[in-house]
Amino acid sequence: MKTCVAMRSALILVVLGAALSGCSVRGAEVAYVDTQRISANWPKFINDQNQLYSDLQGIENAKVSQAEKTAEVARVQALYGRYESDLTREVRAAAAEVARRHGYRLVVTREGRAYGGIDATREVEVILKITERAAPQ
């Protein structure tokens, strides 16, 4: 599903944006956030993703014309685009808060870090009230 990939990509980009928008200049440290772990454990993200899959499956199985299905898919994608924006805003705010607290100059995604860095994922999860359910794959 293209929307799931888009949601994950947006989440990754948001964390990068948060690093640049809310960081203190005091420290020289780089922190990173594991967005796969957040996606795997955040009930809000999981529920939205499950509902999206369910909605798209319902549309696919509906006994309506292809034009009606296409219109309904567009409506659902727009709705989940708004959900994605809300989730992105929350992750950005949490990453910026962690950066502010510790004076990190840069926060990147785990996938985007070259070498080193301090893992700030747990603090972002605490701010978002996420409890780890499964190890990321």
N, C-alpha and C. Protein backbone atom coordinates (compact mmCIF):
# COMPACT_ATOMS: atom_id res chain seq x y z
N MET A 1 0.83 -1.18 0.00
CA MET A 1 0.00 0.00 0.00
C MET A 1 0.88 1.25 0.00
N LYS A 2 0.66 2.10 -0.95
CA LYS A 2 1.49 3.29 -1.12
C LYS A 2 1.35 4.25 0.06
N THR A 3 0.16 4.29 0.69
CA THR A 3 -0.06 5.22 1.78
C THR A 3 0.79 4.88 2.98
N CYS A 4 0.97 3.59 3.28
CA CYS A 4 1.81 3.16 4.39
C CYS A 4 3.25 3.61 4.18
N VAL A 5 3.75 3.44 3.00
CA VAL A 5 5.11 3.86 2.67
C VAL A 5 5.21 5.38 2.80
N ALA A 6 4.20 6.06 2.34
CA ALA A 6 4.19 7.52 2.42
C ALA A 6 4.17 7.98 3.87
N MET A 7 3.41 7.29 4.72
CA MET A 7 3.35 7.67 6.14
C MET A 7 4.71 7.49 6.80
N ARG A 8 5.37 6.37 6.51
CA ARG A 8 6.69 6.13 7.10
C ARG A 8 7.71 7.14 6.59
N SER A 9 7.66 7.42 5.30
CA SER A 9 8.59 8.41 4.72
C SER A 9 8.37 9.78 5.34
N ALA A 10 7.11 10.14 5.52
CA ALA A 10 6.80 11.44 6.13
C ALA A 10 7.30 11.49 7.56
N LEU A 11 7.14 10.40 8.29
CA LEU A 11 7.61 10.34 9.66
C LEU A 11 9.12 10.54 9.73
N ILE A 12 9.84 9.93 8.82
CA ILE A 12 11.29 10.07 8.76
C ILE A 12 11.67 11.52 8.45
N LEU A 13 11.01 12.11 7.48
CA LEU A 13 11.32 13.49 7.11
C LEU A 13 10.99 14.46 8.22
N VAL A 14 9.93 14.17 8.97
CA VAL A 14 9.53 15.04 10.07
C VAL A 14 10.58 15.09 11.16
N VAL A 15 11.13 13.93 11.48
CA VAL A 15 12.16 13.89 12.51
C VAL A 15 13.35 14.72 12.07
N LEU A 16 13.71 14.62 10.81
CA LEU A 16 14.81 15.46 10.30
C LEU A 16 14.46 16.94 10.40
N GLY A 17 13.24 17.29 10.05
CA GLY A 17 12.80 18.67 10.15
C GLY A 17 12.80 19.18 11.57
N ALA A 18 12.40 18.30 12.50
CA ALA A 18 12.38 18.68 13.91
C ALA A 18 13.78 19.03 14.40
N ALA A 19 14.72 18.31 13.90
CA ALA A 19 16.09 18.55 14.32
C ALA A 19 16.54 19.95 13.95
N LEU A 20 16.12 20.40 12.83
CA LEU A 20 16.57 21.71 12.36
C LEU A 20 15.73 22.84 12.92
N SER A 21 14.50 22.56 13.33
CA SER A 21 13.61 23.64 13.75
C SER A 21 13.62 23.91 15.24
N GLY A 22 13.93 22.93 16.07
CA GLY A 22 13.77 23.14 17.50
C GLY A 22 15.00 22.88 18.32
N CYS A 23 16.16 22.95 17.76
CA CYS A 23 17.36 22.58 18.49
C CYS A 23 18.04 23.78 19.12
N SER A 24 18.65 23.52 20.25
CA SER A 24 19.45 24.52 20.93
C SER A 24 20.84 24.56 20.31
N VAL A 25 21.52 25.67 20.48
CA VAL A 25 22.86 25.81 19.91
C VAL A 25 23.93 25.42 20.92
N ARG A 26 23.56 25.15 22.16
CA ARG A 26 24.49 24.91 23.25
C ARG A 26 25.42 23.74 23.03
N GLY A 27 24.90 22.58 22.71
CA GLY A 27 25.72 21.38 22.59
C GLY A 27 26.09 21.07 21.15
N ALA A 28 27.03 20.16 21.03
CA ALA A 28 27.46 19.77 19.69
C ALA A 28 27.03 18.35 19.37
N GLU A 29 26.25 17.73 20.24
CA GLU A 29 25.86 16.35 20.07
C GLU A 29 24.83 16.17 18.97
N VAL A 30 24.88 14.99 18.41
CA VAL A 30 23.89 14.56 17.43
C VAL A 30 23.09 13.44 18.07
N ALA A 31 21.78 13.50 17.92
CA ALA A 31 20.91 12.44 18.42
C ALA A 31 20.16 11.85 17.24
N TYR A 32 19.65 10.66 17.46
CA TYR A 32 18.84 10.04 16.40
C TYR A 32 17.61 9.39 17.01
N VAL A 33 16.61 9.22 16.16
CA VAL A 33 15.35 8.60 16.55
C VAL A 33 15.09 7.43 15.61
N ASP A 34 14.74 6.30 16.18
CA ASP A 34 14.43 5.10 15.42
C ASP A 34 12.95 5.15 15.03
N THR A 35 12.67 5.61 13.83
CA THR A 35 11.28 5.77 13.39
C THR A 35 10.58 4.43 13.17
N GLN A 36 11.35 3.39 12.86
CA GLN A 36 10.74 2.06 12.72
C GLN A 36 10.18 1.61 14.07
N ARG A 37 10.93 1.84 15.11
CA ARG A 37 10.50 1.45 16.45
C ARG A 37 9.26 2.24 16.86
N ILE A 38 9.26 3.53 16.57
CA ILE A 38 8.09 4.34 16.90
C ILE A 38 6.88 3.84 16.13
N SER A 39 7.04 3.57 14.85
CA SER A 39 5.93 3.07 14.03
C SER A 39 5.41 1.72 14.53
N ALA A 40 6.32 0.88 15.00
CA ALA A 40 5.94 -0.46 15.45
C ALA A 40 5.25 -0.46 16.81
N ASN A 41 5.45 0.59 17.60
CA ASN A 41 4.96 0.59 18.97
C ASN A 41 3.93 1.66 19.31
N TRP A 42 3.71 2.60 18.43
CA TRP A 42 2.82 3.72 18.74
C TRP A 42 1.38 3.33 18.40
N PRO A 43 0.54 3.11 19.40
CA PRO A 43 -0.84 2.69 19.13
C PRO A 43 -1.58 3.63 18.18
N LYS A 44 -1.33 4.90 18.29
CA LYS A 44 -2.00 5.86 17.41
C LYS A 44 -1.65 5.58 15.94
N PHE A 45 -0.38 5.36 15.66
CA PHE A 45 0.06 5.06 14.30
C PHE A 45 -0.50 3.72 13.84
N ILE A 46 -0.38 2.71 14.71
CA ILE A 46 -0.85 1.37 14.38
C ILE A 46 -2.34 1.36 14.10
N ASN A 47 -3.12 2.03 14.94
CA ASN A 47 -4.57 2.08 14.75
C ASN A 47 -4.95 2.77 13.44
N ASP A 48 -4.30 3.88 13.15
CA ASP A 48 -4.57 4.58 11.90
C ASP A 48 -4.22 3.72 10.70
N GLN A 49 -3.09 3.04 10.78
CA GLN A 49 -2.65 2.20 9.67
C GLN A 49 -3.61 1.01 9.49
N ASN A 50 -4.01 0.38 10.58
CA ASN A 50 -4.96 -0.73 10.50
C ASN A 50 -6.31 -0.29 9.93
N GLN A 51 -6.76 0.89 10.35
CA GLN A 51 -8.03 1.40 9.84
C GLN A 51 -7.93 1.71 8.35
N LEU A 52 -6.80 2.24 7.93
CA LEU A 52 -6.60 2.52 6.51
C LEU A 52 -6.67 1.23 5.70
N TYR A 53 -5.96 0.20 6.15
CA TYR A 53 -6.00 -1.08 5.43
C TYR A 53 -7.42 -1.62 5.38
N SER A 54 -8.12 -1.52 6.49
CA SER A 54 -9.49 -2.02 6.55
C SER A 54 -10.39 -1.25 5.59
N ASP A 55 -10.26 0.07 5.60
CA ASP A 55 -11.07 0.90 4.71
C ASP A 55 -10.78 0.59 3.24
N LEU A 56 -9.50 0.46 2.90
CA LEU A 56 -9.15 0.16 1.51
C LEU A 56 -9.62 -1.23 1.10
N GLN A 57 -9.55 -2.19 2.01
CA GLN A 57 -10.04 -3.54 1.71
C GLN A 57 -11.56 -3.51 1.51
N GLY A 58 -12.26 -2.74 2.34
CA GLY A 58 -13.70 -2.61 2.19
C GLY A 58 -14.08 -2.00 0.85
N ILE A 59 -13.33 -1.02 0.43
CA ILE A 59 -13.59 -0.39 -0.87
C ILE A 59 -13.35 -1.40 -1.99
N GLU A 60 -12.24 -2.13 -1.89
CA GLU A 60 -11.91 -3.11 -2.92
C GLU A 60 -12.99 -4.19 -3.04
N ASN A 61 -13.57 -4.59 -1.92
CA ASN A 61 -14.57 -5.65 -1.91
C ASN A 61 -16.00 -5.15 -2.18
N ALA A 62 -16.18 -3.85 -2.20
CA ALA A 62 -17.52 -3.29 -2.39
C ALA A 62 -18.06 -3.61 -3.79
N LYS A 63 -19.33 -3.80 -3.84
CA LYS A 63 -19.98 -4.11 -5.12
C LYS A 63 -20.54 -2.82 -5.71
N VAL A 64 -19.62 -1.97 -6.10
CA VAL A 64 -19.97 -0.69 -6.72
C VAL A 64 -19.10 -0.52 -7.95
N SER A 65 -19.40 0.49 -8.72
CA SER A 65 -18.65 0.71 -9.96
C SER A 65 -17.20 1.11 -9.65
N GLN A 66 -16.35 0.95 -10.64
CA GLN A 66 -14.94 1.31 -10.49
C GLN A 66 -14.79 2.81 -10.23
N ALA A 67 -15.64 3.61 -10.85
CA ALA A 67 -15.59 5.06 -10.63
C ALA A 67 -15.90 5.40 -9.18
N GLU A 68 -16.89 4.71 -8.60
CA GLU A 68 -17.23 4.94 -7.20
C GLU A 68 -16.09 4.49 -6.28
N LYS A 69 -15.48 3.38 -6.62
CA LYS A 69 -14.34 2.91 -5.84
C LYS A 69 -13.19 3.91 -5.89
N THR A 70 -12.92 4.42 -7.07
CA THR A 70 -11.84 5.40 -7.24
C THR A 70 -12.11 6.65 -6.41
N ALA A 71 -13.34 7.12 -6.44
CA ALA A 71 -13.71 8.31 -5.67
C ALA A 71 -13.57 8.04 -4.17
N GLU A 72 -13.97 6.87 -3.74
CA GLU A 72 -13.89 6.53 -2.32
C GLU A 72 -12.44 6.38 -1.87
N VAL A 73 -11.61 5.79 -2.69
CA VAL A 73 -10.18 5.68 -2.37
C VAL A 73 -9.57 7.07 -2.22
N ALA A 74 -9.92 7.99 -3.10
CA ALA A 74 -9.40 9.36 -3.02
C ALA A 74 -9.84 10.02 -1.71
N ARG A 75 -11.09 9.79 -1.32
CA ARG A 75 -11.60 10.37 -0.07
C ARG A 75 -10.84 9.80 1.13
N VAL A 76 -10.64 8.49 1.15
CA VAL A 76 -9.94 7.84 2.26
C VAL A 76 -8.48 8.30 2.31
N GLN A 77 -7.84 8.43 1.17
CA GLN A 77 -6.45 8.90 1.15
C GLN A 77 -6.33 10.32 1.68
N ALA A 78 -7.29 11.17 1.35
CA ALA A 78 -7.27 12.54 1.87
C ALA A 78 -7.43 12.54 3.39
N LEU A 79 -8.33 11.71 3.88
CA LEU A 79 -8.56 11.60 5.33
C LEU A 79 -7.28 11.15 6.03
N TYR A 80 -6.66 10.13 5.51
CA TYR A 80 -5.44 9.61 6.15
C TYR A 80 -4.26 10.54 5.94
N GLY A 81 -4.30 11.37 4.93
CA GLY A 81 -3.27 12.40 4.77
C GLY A 81 -3.32 13.37 5.94
N ARG A 82 -4.54 13.70 6.38
CA ARG A 82 -4.69 14.58 7.55
C ARG A 82 -4.20 13.88 8.81
N TYR A 83 -4.52 12.59 8.97
CA TYR A 83 -4.02 11.83 10.12
C TYR A 83 -2.50 11.80 10.12
N GLU A 84 -1.92 11.59 8.95
CA GLU A 84 -0.47 11.55 8.80
C GLU A 84 0.16 12.87 9.23
N SER A 85 -0.46 13.97 8.84
CA SER A 85 0.05 15.29 9.23
C SER A 85 0.03 15.46 10.75
N ASP A 86 -1.04 14.98 11.38
CA ASP A 86 -1.15 15.08 12.84
C ASP A 86 -0.06 14.25 13.52
N LEU A 87 0.15 13.03 13.05
CA LEU A 87 1.19 12.17 13.64
C LEU A 87 2.57 12.79 13.44
N THR A 88 2.80 13.31 12.26
CA THR A 88 4.07 13.95 11.94
C THR A 88 4.32 15.14 12.86
N ARG A 89 3.30 15.93 13.09
CA ARG A 89 3.42 17.11 13.96
C ARG A 89 3.79 16.67 15.39
N GLU A 90 3.19 15.59 15.87
CA GLU A 90 3.48 15.11 17.22
C GLU A 90 4.91 14.61 17.34
N VAL A 91 5.39 13.87 16.36
CA VAL A 91 6.77 13.37 16.40
C VAL A 91 7.74 14.54 16.32
N ARG A 92 7.46 15.48 15.47
CA ARG A 92 8.33 16.66 15.34
C ARG A 92 8.42 17.39 16.67
N ALA A 93 7.30 17.60 17.32
CA ALA A 93 7.30 18.31 18.59
C ALA A 93 8.07 17.54 19.66
N ALA A 94 7.89 16.23 19.69
CA ALA A 94 8.61 15.41 20.69
C ALA A 94 10.11 15.43 20.43
N ALA A 95 10.53 15.29 19.20
CA ALA A 95 11.96 15.32 18.87
C ALA A 95 12.56 16.69 19.17
N ALA A 96 11.83 17.74 18.89
CA ALA A 96 12.31 19.10 19.18
C ALA A 96 12.43 19.31 20.69
N GLU A 97 11.50 18.76 21.46
CA GLU A 97 11.55 18.87 22.91
C GLU A 97 12.78 18.15 23.47
N VAL A 98 13.06 16.96 22.99
CA VAL A 98 14.24 16.21 23.42
C VAL A 98 15.50 16.99 23.04
N ALA A 99 15.55 17.53 21.86
CA ALA A 99 16.71 18.32 21.42
C ALA A 99 16.90 19.54 22.31
N ARG A 100 15.81 20.20 22.64
CA ARG A 100 15.89 21.39 23.50
C ARG A 100 16.40 21.01 24.89
N ARG A 101 15.87 19.94 25.46
CA ARG A 101 16.26 19.52 26.81
C ARG A 101 17.75 19.23 26.92
N HIS A 102 18.31 18.61 25.89
CA HIS A 102 19.70 18.16 25.96
C HIS A 102 20.67 19.03 25.17
N GLY A 103 20.17 20.00 24.46
CA GLY A 103 21.04 20.87 23.69
C GLY A 103 21.62 20.21 22.45
N TYR A 104 20.91 19.22 21.91
CA TYR A 104 21.39 18.59 20.68
C TYR A 104 21.31 19.60 19.55
N ARG A 105 22.31 19.59 18.71
CA ARG A 105 22.32 20.49 17.57
C ARG A 105 21.60 19.87 16.39
N LEU A 106 21.52 18.55 16.38
CA LEU A 106 20.92 17.87 15.25
C LEU A 106 20.27 16.57 15.72
N VAL A 107 19.06 16.32 15.23
CA VAL A 107 18.39 15.05 15.47
C VAL A 107 18.03 14.49 14.10
N VAL A 108 18.48 13.27 13.85
CA VAL A 108 18.21 12.63 12.57
C VAL A 108 17.51 11.30 12.84
N THR A 109 17.10 10.65 11.78
CA THR A 109 16.53 9.33 11.95
C THR A 109 17.67 8.33 12.08
N ARG A 110 17.36 7.20 12.65
CA ARG A 110 18.37 6.14 12.80
C ARG A 110 18.93 5.77 11.43
N GLU A 111 18.07 5.71 10.45
CA GLU A 111 18.49 5.36 9.10
C GLU A 111 19.35 6.45 8.47
N GLY A 112 19.20 7.69 8.91
CA GLY A 112 19.90 8.81 8.31
C GLY A 112 21.22 9.15 8.96
N ARG A 113 21.58 8.47 10.04
CA ARG A 113 22.84 8.81 10.71
C ARG A 113 24.00 8.08 10.04
N ALA A 114 25.10 8.75 9.97
CA ALA A 114 26.28 8.14 9.35
C ALA A 114 27.08 7.37 10.40
N TYR A 115 27.50 8.05 11.44
CA TYR A 115 28.29 7.44 12.50
C TYR A 115 27.89 8.06 13.82
N GLY A 116 27.84 7.24 14.85
CA GLY A 116 27.63 7.74 16.20
C GLY A 116 26.28 8.36 16.44
N GLY A 117 26.24 9.18 17.44
CA GLY A 117 25.00 9.83 17.82
C GLY A 117 24.41 9.19 19.07
N ILE A 118 23.58 9.93 19.73
CA ILE A 118 22.92 9.49 20.95
C ILE A 118 21.50 9.07 20.58
N ASP A 119 21.10 7.90 21.03
CA ASP A 119 19.76 7.39 20.72
C ASP A 119 18.74 8.10 21.60
N ALA A 120 17.93 8.94 21.00
CA ALA A 120 16.90 9.71 21.71
C ALA A 120 15.52 9.10 21.54
N THR A 121 15.44 7.91 20.96
CA THR A 121 14.15 7.29 20.66
C THR A 121 13.32 7.11 21.92
N ARG A 122 13.93 6.60 22.98
CA ARG A 122 13.17 6.32 24.21
C ARG A 122 12.55 7.59 24.76
N GLU A 123 13.27 8.70 24.74
CA GLU A 123 12.71 9.95 25.25
C GLU A 123 11.56 10.45 24.39
N VAL A 124 11.67 10.29 23.08
CA VAL A 124 10.57 10.66 22.18
C VAL A 124 9.37 9.77 22.49
N GLU A 125 9.60 8.48 22.72
CA GLU A 125 8.50 7.57 23.06
C GLU A 125 7.83 7.98 24.37
N VAL A 126 8.61 8.40 25.34
CA VAL A 126 8.04 8.82 26.62
C VAL A 126 7.13 10.03 26.41
N ILE A 127 7.59 10.99 25.64
CA ILE A 127 6.78 12.18 25.37
C ILE A 127 5.49 11.81 24.64
N LEU A 128 5.58 10.85 23.72
CA LEU A 128 4.40 10.42 22.96
C LEU A 128 3.59 9.34 23.69
N LYS A 129 4.05 8.96 24.90
CA LYS A 129 3.38 7.94 25.71
C LYS A 129 3.30 6.59 24.99
N ILE A 130 4.42 6.19 24.41
CA ILE A 130 4.52 4.92 23.68
C ILE A 130 5.23 3.92 24.58
N THR A 131 4.66 2.73 24.68
CA THR A 131 5.35 1.64 25.36
C THR A 131 5.74 0.61 24.32
N GLU A 132 6.95 0.10 24.44
CA GLU A 132 7.46 -0.82 23.43
C GLU A 132 6.69 -2.13 23.48
N ARG A 133 6.23 -2.57 22.33
CA ARG A 133 5.46 -3.81 22.22
C ARG A 133 6.25 -4.90 21.53
N ALA A 134 6.99 -4.52 20.52
CA ALA A 134 7.73 -5.51 19.73
C ALA A 134 9.03 -4.90 19.26
N ALA A 135 10.00 -5.74 19.08
CA ALA A 135 11.26 -5.26 18.53
C ALA A 135 11.08 -4.97 17.06
N PRO A 136 11.64 -3.86 16.56
CA PRO A 136 11.53 -3.56 15.14
C PRO A 136 12.25 -4.59 14.30
N GLN A 137 11.76 -4.79 13.10
CA GLN A 137 12.36 -5.80 12.22
C GLN A 137 13.17 -5.17 11.14
